[in-house]
C-alpha atoms as a PDB file:
ATOM      1  CA  MET A   1       0.000   0.000   0.000  1.00  0.00           C
ATOM      2  CA  ALA A   2       1.574   3.240  -1.069  1.00  0.00           C
ATOM      3  CA  SER A   3      -0.430   5.518   1.199  1.00  0.00           C
ATOM      4  CA  ALA A   4      -0.600   3.393   4.346  1.00  0.00           C
ATOM      5  CA  ALA A   5       0.154   4.676   7.823  1.00  0.00           C
ATOM      6  CA  ILE A   6       0.847   2.766  11.015  1.00  0.00           C
ATOM      7  CA  TYR A   7      -2.336   2.737  13.047  1.00  0.00           C
ATOM      8  CA  SER A   8      -1.528   0.419  15.967  1.00  0.00           C
ATOM      9  CA  LEU A   9       1.392  -1.508  17.417  1.00  0.00           C
ATOM     10  CA  PHE A  10       1.021  -4.628  19.562  1.00  0.00           C
ATOM     11  CA  ILE A  11       3.776  -6.619  21.293  1.00  0.00           C
ATOM     12  CA  ILE A  12       2.704 -10.067  22.506  1.00  0.00           C
ATOM     13  CA  ASN A  13       4.793 -12.405  24.674  1.00  0.00           C
ATOM     14  CA  LYS A  14       5.286 -16.099  23.904  1.00  0.00           C
ATOM     15  CA  SER A  15       2.402 -17.172  26.147  1.00  0.00           C
ATOM     16  CA  GLY A  16      -0.098 -14.877  24.390  1.00  0.00           C
ATOM     17  CA  GLY A  17      -0.185 -11.974  26.863  1.00  0.00           C
ATOM     18  CA  LEU A  18      -0.188  -8.394  25.649  1.00  0.00           C
ATOM     19  CA  ILE A  19       2.995  -6.621  26.766  1.00  0.00           C
ATOM     20  CA  TYR A  20       2.662  -3.305  24.919  1.00  0.00           C
ATOM     21  CA  TYR A  21      -0.036  -1.573  22.928  1.00  0.00           C
ATOM     22  CA  LYS A  22       0.114   1.817  21.258  1.00  0.00           C
ATOM     23  CA  ASP A  23      -2.690   3.321  19.193  1.00  0.00           C
ATOM     24  CA  TYR A  24      -1.513   5.968  16.731  1.00  0.00           C
ATOM     25  CA  GLY A  25      -4.937   6.703  15.264  1.00  0.00           C
ATOM     26  CA  SER A  26      -7.463   9.171  16.541  1.00  0.00           C
ATOM     27  CA  ALA A  27     -10.609   7.467  15.269  1.00  0.00           C
ATOM     28  CA  GLY A  28     -11.956   4.217  16.636  1.00  0.00           C
ATOM     29  CA  ARG A  29      -9.656   3.651  19.605  1.00  0.00           C
ATOM     30  CA  THR A  30      -9.992   0.222  21.173  1.00  0.00           C
ATOM     31  CA  ASP A  31     -10.338  -0.162  24.897  1.00  0.00           C
ATOM     32  CA  THR A  32      -7.977  -2.231  27.042  1.00  0.00           C
ATOM     33  CA  ASN A  33     -10.137  -5.361  27.109  1.00  0.00           C
ATOM     34  CA  ASP A  34     -10.533  -5.396  23.321  1.00  0.00           C
ATOM     35  CA  SER A  35      -6.793  -5.010  22.785  1.00  0.00           C
ATOM     36  CA  LEU A  36      -6.117  -7.899  25.241  1.00  0.00           C
ATOM     37  CA  ARG A  37      -8.640 -10.091  23.415  1.00  0.00           C
ATOM     38  CA  LEU A  38      -7.172  -9.207  20.026  1.00  0.00           C
ATOM     39  CA  ALA A  39      -3.634 -10.045  21.183  1.00  0.00           C
ATOM     40  CA  SER A  40      -4.734 -13.384  22.617  1.00  0.00           C
ATOM     41  CA  LEU A  41      -6.728 -14.244  19.509  1.00  0.00           C
ATOM     42  CA  TRP A  42      -3.858 -13.358  17.169  1.00  0.00           C
ATOM     43  CA  HIS A  43      -1.394 -15.411  19.244  1.00  0.00           C
ATOM     44  CA  SER A  44      -3.705 -18.441  18.989  1.00  0.00           C
ATOM     45  CA  MET A  45      -4.243 -18.042  15.240  1.00  0.00           C
ATOM     46  CA  HIS A  46      -0.494 -17.627  14.710  1.00  0.00           C
ATOM     47  CA  ALA A  47       0.297 -20.803  16.700  1.00  0.00           C
ATOM     48  CA  ILE A  48      -2.412 -22.863  14.991  1.00  0.00           C
ATOM     49  CA  SER A  49      -1.288 -21.729  11.535  1.00  0.00           C
ATOM     50  CA  GLN A  50       2.235 -22.990  12.304  1.00  0.00           C
ATOM     51  CA  GLN A  51       0.886 -26.441  13.130  1.00  0.00           C
ATOM     52  CA  LEU A  52      -1.681 -26.753  10.323  1.00  0.00           C
ATOM     53  CA  SER A  53       0.450 -25.409   7.484  1.00  0.00           C
ATOM     54  CA  PRO A  54       1.139 -27.911   4.695  1.00  0.00           C
ATOM     55  CA  THR A  55       4.520 -26.220   4.161  1.00  0.00           C
ATOM     56  CA  PRO A  56       7.298 -27.644   6.357  1.00  0.00           C
ATOM     57  CA  GLY A  57       8.992 -25.054   8.569  1.00  0.00           C
ATOM     58  CA  CYS A  58       6.114 -22.556   8.443  1.00  0.00           C
ATOM     59  CA  GLU A  59       6.588 -19.714  10.917  1.00  0.00           C
ATOM     60  CA  GLY A  60       2.932 -18.681  11.121  1.00  0.00           C
ATOM     61  CA  ILE A  61       0.940 -15.841   9.626  1.00  0.00           C
ATOM     62  CA  ASP A  62       3.145 -12.973   8.429  1.00  0.00           C
ATOM     63  CA  LEU A  63       0.529 -10.789   6.769  1.00  0.00           C
ATOM     64  CA  LEU A  64      -3.231 -10.447   6.954  1.00  0.00           C
ATOM     65  CA  GLN A  65      -4.594  -8.254   4.172  1.00  0.00           C
ATOM     66  CA  ALA A  66      -8.059  -6.781   3.967  1.00  0.00           C
ATOM     67  CA  HIS A  67      -9.620  -4.140   1.757  1.00  0.00           C
ATOM     68  CA  ASN A  68      -8.453  -1.146   3.786  1.00  0.00           C
ATOM     69  CA  PHE A  69      -5.808  -2.453   6.194  1.00  0.00           C
ATOM     70  CA  ASP A  70      -2.779  -4.737   6.457  1.00  0.00           C
ATOM     71  CA  LEU A  71      -1.761  -6.534   9.631  1.00  0.00           C
ATOM     72  CA  HIS A  72       1.947  -7.343   9.583  1.00  0.00           C
ATOM     73  CA  CYS A  73       3.347  -9.846  12.075  1.00  0.00           C
ATOM     74  CA  PHE A  74       6.990 -10.424  12.972  1.00  0.00           C
ATOM     75  CA  GLN A  75       8.100 -13.127  15.412  1.00  0.00           C
ATOM     76  CA  SER A  76      11.461 -12.553  17.098  1.00  0.00           C
ATOM     77  CA  LEU A  77      13.906 -15.261  18.188  1.00  0.00           C
ATOM     78  CA  THR A  78      12.605 -14.902  21.750  1.00  0.00           C
ATOM     79  CA  GLU A  79       9.085 -15.651  20.418  1.00  0.00           C
ATOM     80  CA  LEU A  80       7.747 -12.138  20.914  1.00  0.00           C
ATOM     81  CA  LEU A  81       5.148 -11.191  18.324  1.00  0.00           C
ATOM     82  CA  PHE A  82       5.199  -7.662  16.911  1.00  0.00           C
ATOM     83  CA  LEU A  83       1.975  -6.647  15.158  1.00  0.00           C
ATOM     84  CA  ASN A  84       1.698  -3.515  13.038  1.00  0.00           C
ATOM     85  CA  LEU A  85      -1.693  -2.462  11.785  1.00  0.00           C
ATOM     86  CA  HIS A  86      -1.367  -0.357   8.622  1.00  0.00           C
ATOM     87  CA  MET A  87      -4.474   1.400   7.390  1.00  0.00           C
ATOM     88  CA  ASP A  88      -4.930   2.567   3.837  1.00  0.00           C
ATOM     89  CA  ILE A  89      -6.634   5.751   2.761  1.00  0.00           C
ATOM     90  CA  TYR A  90     -10.391   5.595   2.773  1.00  0.00           C
ATOM     91  CA  CYS A  91     -12.910   7.018   0.369  1.00  0.00           C
ATOM     92  CA  LYS A  92     -16.106   8.784   1.251  1.00  0.00           C
ATOM     93  CA  LYS A  93     -18.708  10.365  -0.965  1.00  0.00           C
ATOM     94  CA  ASP A  94     -19.904  13.910  -0.683  1.00  0.00           C
ATOM     95  CA  SER A  95     -23.455  15.103  -1.277  1.00  0.00           C
ATOM     96  CA  GLU A  96     -22.967  15.072  -5.071  1.00  0.00           C
ATOM     97  CA  SER A  97     -21.872  11.380  -5.019  1.00  0.00           C
ATOM     98  CA  ILE A  98     -18.336  12.150  -6.136  1.00  0.00           C
ATOM     99  CA  GLY A  99     -15.770   9.813  -4.601  1.00  0.00           C
ATOM    100  CA  ILE A 100     -13.188  11.701  -2.563  1.00  0.00           C
ATOM    101  CA  CYS A 101     -10.247   9.822  -1.063  1.00  0.00           C
ATOM    102  CA  CYS A 102      -8.844  11.243   2.154  1.00  0.00           C
ATOM    103  CA  PRO A 103      -5.932  10.098   4.315  1.00  0.00           C
ATOM    104  CA  LEU A 104      -6.817   8.942   7.814  1.00  0.00           C
ATOM    105  CA  ASN A 105      -6.308  11.557  10.503  1.00  0.00           C
ATOM    106  CA  LEU A 106      -3.334   9.973  12.235  1.00  0.00           C
END
């Protein structure tokens, strides 16, 4: 994504607990419980994907892409997971139905 900006940063320990969370966006902030649930869920999905992958030596999910965001995951040698949420620009229509693309207010 050429016009993506870092929206959130998560650091998850090897047992699935959230160590650090920083939200760089101003819109749609998540509360503490939601960020803890998201970290735990991602840790579980990452671990399961390592075990179920048909490719030998799979290290888990590296990238989750959606229409307007990318979730990048990096696992360190100490098994810490670093998650970066990158959000793309979004488009909204004005009253004349003309598409206008605006960067997120980060």
